[in-house]
């Protein structure tokens, strides 16, 4: 997994294939440790339960996107379960994700707080 992809700035992600977790320490080192820990737990649990890969990234507007994907040959990947789990994660972590979006807009993108 790389820091940047075609669509946005990767915050973190996990891969069931490589059994690895990635956190973009270069851009998000200033985040509190408890937030970093929570992101790690979310990502790893997602790939353990659903399979495939899970990525949290910010789009060009600073909105946090949660994405999952799998290899075509991965017949154990639960696409429907992944969609449902993303909805559940969004609902349960709505406040934290809002704070992460504000952090991205103000600290990373340099948007004044009043405009963010």
N, C-alpha and C. Protein backbone atom coordinates (compact mmCIF):
# COMPACT_ATOMS: atom_id res chain seq x y z
N UNK A 1 0.84 -1.18 0.00
CA UNK A 1 0.00 0.00 0.00
C UNK A 1 0.88 1.23 0.00
N UNK A 2 0.52 2.21 -0.77
CA UNK A 2 1.33 3.41 -0.84
C UNK A 2 0.60 4.58 -0.18
N UNK A 3 1.37 5.63 0.12
CA UNK A 3 0.82 6.80 0.80
C UNK A 3 -0.23 7.50 -0.06
N UNK A 4 0.07 7.67 -1.33
CA UNK A 4 -0.85 8.38 -2.22
C UNK A 4 -1.34 7.43 -3.30
N UNK A 5 -2.57 7.61 -3.69
CA UNK A 5 -3.06 6.92 -4.86
C UNK A 5 -3.70 7.95 -5.76
N UNK A 6 -4.38 7.51 -6.80
CA UNK A 6 -4.92 8.42 -7.79
C UNK A 6 -5.98 9.35 -7.22
N UNK A 7 -6.63 8.94 -6.17
CA UNK A 7 -7.81 9.67 -5.72
C UNK A 7 -7.60 10.54 -4.49
N UNK A 8 -6.66 10.22 -3.62
CA UNK A 8 -6.55 11.01 -2.42
C UNK A 8 -5.33 10.70 -1.59
N UNK A 9 -5.33 11.25 -0.38
CA UNK A 9 -4.25 11.11 0.57
C UNK A 9 -4.61 9.99 1.55
N UNK A 10 -3.84 8.93 1.55
CA UNK A 10 -4.12 7.78 2.41
C UNK A 10 -3.77 8.12 3.85
N UNK A 11 -4.72 7.86 4.75
CA UNK A 11 -4.50 8.01 6.18
C UNK A 11 -3.93 6.71 6.74
N UNK A 12 -4.63 5.60 6.44
CA UNK A 12 -4.17 4.30 6.93
C UNK A 12 -4.88 3.20 6.14
N UNK A 13 -4.43 1.99 6.35
CA UNK A 13 -5.06 0.87 5.67
C UNK A 13 -4.47 -0.45 6.16
N UNK A 14 -5.14 -1.51 5.77
CA UNK A 14 -4.68 -2.84 6.15
C UNK A 14 -4.95 -3.80 5.01
N UNK A 15 -4.14 -4.84 4.94
CA UNK A 15 -4.28 -5.85 3.91
C UNK A 15 -4.33 -7.23 4.55
N UNK A 16 -5.39 -7.97 4.22
CA UNK A 16 -5.48 -9.35 4.70
C UNK A 16 -4.48 -10.23 3.95
N UNK A 17 -4.12 -9.84 2.76
CA UNK A 17 -3.20 -10.63 1.94
C UNK A 17 -1.78 -10.58 2.50
N UNK A 18 -1.33 -9.38 2.84
CA UNK A 18 0.02 -9.21 3.35
C UNK A 18 0.08 -9.27 4.88
N UNK A 19 -1.10 -9.28 5.51
CA UNK A 19 -1.21 -9.22 6.97
C UNK A 19 -0.39 -8.06 7.51
N UNK A 20 -0.62 -6.88 6.90
CA UNK A 20 0.11 -5.68 7.28
C UNK A 20 -0.86 -4.53 7.49
N UNK A 21 -0.42 -3.59 8.33
CA UNK A 21 -1.14 -2.35 8.58
C UNK A 21 -0.23 -1.21 8.17
N UNK A 22 -0.80 -0.19 7.56
CA UNK A 22 -0.05 0.99 7.14
C UNK A 22 -0.68 2.22 7.76
N UNK A 23 0.15 3.10 8.30
CA UNK A 23 -0.30 4.40 8.79
C UNK A 23 0.63 5.44 8.21
N UNK A 24 0.07 6.49 7.65
CA UNK A 24 0.84 7.55 7.01
C UNK A 24 1.43 8.47 8.08
N UNK A 25 2.50 8.02 8.68
CA UNK A 25 3.17 8.74 9.77
C UNK A 25 3.72 10.08 9.30
N UNK A 26 4.14 10.14 8.04
CA UNK A 26 4.73 11.37 7.51
C UNK A 26 3.75 12.54 7.58
N UNK A 27 2.51 12.31 7.23
CA UNK A 27 1.51 13.38 7.18
C UNK A 27 0.69 13.50 8.46
N UNK A 28 0.53 12.40 9.19
CA UNK A 28 -0.40 12.39 10.31
C UNK A 28 0.25 12.08 11.66
N UNK A 29 1.53 12.36 11.79
CA UNK A 29 2.26 12.09 13.03
C UNK A 29 1.69 12.88 14.21
N UNK A 30 1.08 14.04 13.94
CA UNK A 30 0.57 14.90 15.01
C UNK A 30 -0.74 14.41 15.62
N UNK A 31 -1.34 13.38 15.03
CA UNK A 31 -2.58 12.85 15.60
C UNK A 31 -2.29 12.24 16.97
N UNK A 32 -3.24 12.36 17.90
CA UNK A 32 -3.04 11.74 19.22
C UNK A 32 -2.89 10.22 19.12
N UNK A 33 -2.12 9.65 20.03
CA UNK A 33 -1.85 8.22 20.01
C UNK A 33 -3.11 7.38 20.13
N UNK A 34 -4.10 7.85 20.90
CA UNK A 34 -5.32 7.07 21.04
C UNK A 34 -6.10 7.01 19.73
N UNK A 35 -6.03 8.06 18.93
CA UNK A 35 -6.68 8.06 17.61
C UNK A 35 -5.93 7.10 16.69
N UNK A 36 -4.61 7.16 16.70
CA UNK A 36 -3.81 6.23 15.89
C UNK A 36 -4.13 4.78 16.24
N UNK A 37 -4.25 4.51 17.53
CA UNK A 37 -4.55 3.16 17.99
C UNK A 37 -5.94 2.72 17.50
N UNK A 38 -6.91 3.62 17.60
CA UNK A 38 -8.27 3.32 17.16
C UNK A 38 -8.31 3.03 15.65
N UNK A 39 -7.58 3.81 14.87
CA UNK A 39 -7.51 3.59 13.42
C UNK A 39 -6.92 2.22 13.10
N UNK A 40 -5.90 1.86 13.85
CA UNK A 40 -5.25 0.55 13.65
C UNK A 40 -6.24 -0.58 13.95
N UNK A 41 -6.95 -0.46 15.06
CA UNK A 41 -7.92 -1.48 15.45
C UNK A 41 -9.01 -1.62 14.39
N UNK A 42 -9.56 -0.50 13.96
CA UNK A 42 -10.62 -0.52 12.94
C UNK A 42 -10.13 -1.23 11.68
N UNK A 43 -8.97 -0.84 11.20
CA UNK A 43 -8.44 -1.38 9.94
C UNK A 43 -8.15 -2.87 10.02
N UNK A 44 -7.49 -3.28 11.08
CA UNK A 44 -7.10 -4.69 11.21
C UNK A 44 -8.33 -5.57 11.42
N UNK A 45 -9.25 -5.13 12.29
CA UNK A 45 -10.46 -5.92 12.51
C UNK A 45 -11.28 -6.06 11.23
N UNK A 46 -11.32 -4.99 10.44
CA UNK A 46 -12.06 -5.05 9.18
C UNK A 46 -11.50 -6.14 8.28
N UNK A 47 -10.20 -6.14 8.08
CA UNK A 47 -9.62 -7.13 7.16
C UNK A 47 -9.67 -8.55 7.74
N UNK A 48 -9.64 -8.67 9.05
CA UNK A 48 -9.77 -10.01 9.65
C UNK A 48 -11.17 -10.56 9.44
N UNK A 49 -12.17 -9.69 9.55
CA UNK A 49 -13.55 -10.14 9.43
C UNK A 49 -14.02 -10.24 7.98
N UNK A 50 -13.64 -9.29 7.14
CA UNK A 50 -14.15 -9.20 5.77
C UNK A 50 -13.16 -9.77 4.75
N UNK A 51 -11.87 -9.57 5.02
CA UNK A 51 -10.84 -9.97 4.06
C UNK A 51 -10.46 -8.81 3.15
N UNK A 52 -9.66 -9.09 2.15
CA UNK A 52 -9.26 -8.06 1.18
C UNK A 52 -8.40 -6.98 1.77
N UNK A 53 -8.60 -5.77 1.27
CA UNK A 53 -7.86 -4.60 1.74
C UNK A 53 -8.85 -3.52 2.18
N UNK A 54 -8.45 -2.74 3.15
CA UNK A 54 -9.27 -1.66 3.68
C UNK A 54 -8.42 -0.41 3.75
N UNK A 55 -8.94 0.69 3.24
CA UNK A 55 -8.18 1.94 3.20
C UNK A 55 -9.06 3.09 3.68
N UNK A 56 -8.47 3.96 4.48
CA UNK A 56 -9.08 5.23 4.85
C UNK A 56 -8.25 6.31 4.18
N UNK A 57 -8.91 7.15 3.39
CA UNK A 57 -8.18 8.21 2.70
C UNK A 57 -9.03 9.46 2.62
N UNK A 58 -8.35 10.58 2.48
CA UNK A 58 -9.02 11.86 2.32
C UNK A 58 -9.07 12.21 0.84
N UNK A 59 -10.25 12.63 0.36
CA UNK A 59 -10.36 13.05 -1.03
C UNK A 59 -9.88 14.50 -1.16
N UNK A 60 -9.98 15.05 -2.35
CA UNK A 60 -9.46 16.40 -2.61
C UNK A 60 -10.19 17.48 -1.81
N UNK A 61 -11.37 17.19 -1.29
CA UNK A 61 -12.13 18.14 -0.47
C UNK A 61 -11.86 17.97 1.01
N UNK A 62 -11.06 16.97 1.38
CA UNK A 62 -10.77 16.71 2.78
C UNK A 62 -11.78 15.82 3.45
N UNK A 63 -12.64 15.18 2.67
CA UNK A 63 -13.62 14.24 3.23
C UNK A 63 -12.99 12.86 3.37
N UNK A 64 -13.25 12.21 4.48
CA UNK A 64 -12.68 10.89 4.73
C UNK A 64 -13.49 9.82 4.02
N UNK A 65 -12.82 9.03 3.22
CA UNK A 65 -13.44 7.94 2.47
C UNK A 65 -12.96 6.61 3.05
N UNK A 66 -13.86 5.68 3.21
CA UNK A 66 -13.53 4.33 3.66
C UNK A 66 -13.76 3.40 2.48
N UNK A 67 -12.73 2.67 2.10
CA UNK A 67 -12.81 1.83 0.91
C UNK A 67 -12.33 0.42 1.21
N UNK A 68 -12.91 -0.50 0.49
CA UNK A 68 -12.47 -1.89 0.58
C UNK A 68 -12.41 -2.47 -0.82
N UNK A 69 -11.47 -3.35 -1.02
CA UNK A 69 -11.32 -4.00 -2.32
C UNK A 69 -10.68 -5.36 -2.12
N UNK A 70 -10.81 -6.18 -3.15
CA UNK A 70 -10.24 -7.52 -3.06
C UNK A 70 -9.72 -7.95 -4.43
N UNK A 71 -8.84 -8.92 -4.41
CA UNK A 71 -8.36 -9.51 -5.65
C UNK A 71 -9.50 -10.29 -6.30
N UNK A 72 -9.51 -10.34 -7.61
CA UNK A 72 -10.55 -11.07 -8.32
C UNK A 72 -10.60 -12.54 -7.92
N UNK A 73 -9.46 -13.07 -7.57
CA UNK A 73 -9.38 -14.50 -7.22
C UNK A 73 -9.72 -14.80 -5.76
N UNK A 74 -10.07 -13.76 -5.00
CA UNK A 74 -10.37 -13.94 -3.57
C UNK A 74 -11.85 -14.27 -3.37
N UNK A 75 -12.15 -15.55 -3.28
CA UNK A 75 -13.53 -15.99 -3.14
C UNK A 75 -14.00 -15.97 -1.69
N UNK A 76 -13.11 -15.71 -0.76
CA UNK A 76 -13.48 -15.61 0.65
C UNK A 76 -13.87 -14.19 1.06
N UNK A 77 -13.59 -13.22 0.19
CA UNK A 77 -13.89 -11.82 0.46
C UNK A 77 -15.40 -11.62 0.54
N UNK A 78 -15.85 -10.91 1.58
CA UNK A 78 -17.28 -10.68 1.81
C UNK A 78 -17.64 -9.25 1.39
N UNK A 79 -17.98 -9.07 0.11
CA UNK A 79 -18.26 -7.74 -0.42
C UNK A 79 -19.47 -7.10 0.26
N UNK A 80 -20.54 -7.85 0.43
CA UNK A 80 -21.75 -7.31 1.07
C UNK A 80 -21.47 -6.98 2.53
N UNK A 81 -20.79 -7.89 3.21
CA UNK A 81 -20.41 -7.65 4.60
C UNK A 81 -19.52 -6.43 4.74
N UNK A 82 -18.63 -6.22 3.77
CA UNK A 82 -17.74 -5.07 3.79
C UNK A 82 -18.50 -3.76 3.69
N UNK A 83 -19.48 -3.72 2.80
CA UNK A 83 -20.31 -2.52 2.64
C UNK A 83 -21.07 -2.23 3.93
N UNK A 84 -21.65 -3.27 4.52
CA UNK A 84 -22.40 -3.11 5.77
C UNK A 84 -21.49 -2.69 6.92
N UNK A 85 -20.31 -3.26 6.97
CA UNK A 85 -19.38 -2.93 8.05
C UNK A 85 -18.90 -1.48 7.93
N UNK A 86 -18.66 -1.01 6.71
CA UNK A 86 -18.26 0.39 6.52
C UNK A 86 -19.37 1.32 7.01
N UNK A 87 -20.61 1.01 6.71
CA UNK A 87 -21.73 1.83 7.20
C UNK A 87 -21.77 1.84 8.73
N UNK A 88 -21.54 0.68 9.32
CA UNK A 88 -21.54 0.58 10.79
C UNK A 88 -20.39 1.39 11.39
N UNK A 89 -19.20 1.26 10.81
CA UNK A 89 -18.03 2.00 11.30
C UNK A 89 -18.29 3.50 11.20
N UNK A 90 -18.83 3.95 10.07
CA UNK A 90 -19.14 5.38 9.88
C UNK A 90 -20.10 5.89 10.95
N UNK A 91 -21.11 5.09 11.24
CA UNK A 91 -22.12 5.47 12.22
C UNK A 91 -21.53 5.54 13.62
N UNK A 92 -20.76 4.52 13.99
CA UNK A 92 -20.20 4.44 15.33
C UNK A 92 -19.06 5.44 15.56
N UNK A 93 -18.34 5.80 14.54
CA UNK A 93 -17.16 6.67 14.68
C UNK A 93 -17.38 8.04 14.03
N UNK A 94 -18.63 8.44 13.87
CA UNK A 94 -18.97 9.68 13.17
C UNK A 94 -18.23 10.90 13.76
N UNK A 95 -18.21 11.01 15.07
CA UNK A 95 -17.56 12.15 15.71
C UNK A 95 -16.05 12.15 15.45
N UNK A 96 -15.42 10.99 15.61
CA UNK A 96 -13.98 10.90 15.38
C UNK A 96 -13.64 11.22 13.93
N UNK A 97 -14.44 10.71 13.00
CA UNK A 97 -14.17 10.97 11.59
C UNK A 97 -14.34 12.45 11.25
N UNK A 98 -15.32 13.11 11.88
CA UNK A 98 -15.49 14.55 11.68
C UNK A 98 -14.27 15.32 12.16
N UNK A 99 -13.71 14.91 13.28
CA UNK A 99 -12.50 15.55 13.81
C UNK A 99 -11.30 15.29 12.90
N UNK A 100 -11.21 14.08 12.35
CA UNK A 100 -10.12 13.77 11.41
C UNK A 100 -10.23 14.62 10.14
N UNK A 101 -11.45 14.81 9.65
CA UNK A 101 -11.65 15.65 8.46
C UNK A 101 -11.25 17.09 8.75
N UNK A 102 -11.60 17.60 9.91
CA UNK A 102 -11.22 18.95 10.29
C UNK A 102 -9.70 19.06 10.39
N UNK A 103 -9.06 18.07 10.99
CA UNK A 103 -7.60 18.03 11.09
C UNK A 103 -6.97 18.09 9.70
N UNK A 104 -7.48 17.26 8.79
CA UNK A 104 -6.94 17.21 7.43
C UNK A 104 -7.08 18.56 6.73
N UNK A 105 -8.26 19.15 6.84
CA UNK A 105 -8.51 20.42 6.16
C UNK A 105 -7.64 21.54 6.70
N UNK A 106 -7.51 21.62 8.03
CA UNK A 106 -6.77 22.73 8.64
C UNK A 106 -5.26 22.48 8.64
N UNK A 107 -4.83 21.32 9.12
CA UNK A 107 -3.39 21.06 9.29
C UNK A 107 -2.72 20.64 7.99
N UNK A 108 -3.34 19.75 7.24
CA UNK A 108 -2.70 19.22 6.02
C UNK A 108 -2.95 20.12 4.81
N UNK A 109 -4.22 20.52 4.63
CA UNK A 109 -4.56 21.31 3.44
C UNK A 109 -4.39 22.81 3.64
N UNK A 110 -4.24 23.26 4.88
CA UNK A 110 -4.00 24.67 5.17
C UNK A 110 -5.22 25.56 5.03
N UNK A 111 -6.41 25.00 5.11
CA UNK A 111 -7.63 25.79 5.05
C UNK A 111 -7.84 26.47 6.40
N UNK A 112 -8.13 27.77 6.41
CA UNK A 112 -8.38 28.44 7.69
C UNK A 112 -9.52 27.77 8.45
N UNK A 113 -9.39 27.72 9.78
CA UNK A 113 -10.36 27.04 10.62
C UNK A 113 -11.78 27.55 10.38
N UNK A 114 -11.94 28.85 10.18
CA UNK A 114 -13.26 29.43 9.98
C UNK A 114 -13.92 28.90 8.71
N UNK A 115 -13.12 28.56 7.71
CA UNK A 115 -13.66 28.07 6.43
C UNK A 115 -13.87 26.55 6.44
N UNK A 116 -13.12 25.87 7.30
CA UNK A 116 -13.20 24.41 7.34
C UNK A 116 -14.48 24.02 8.05
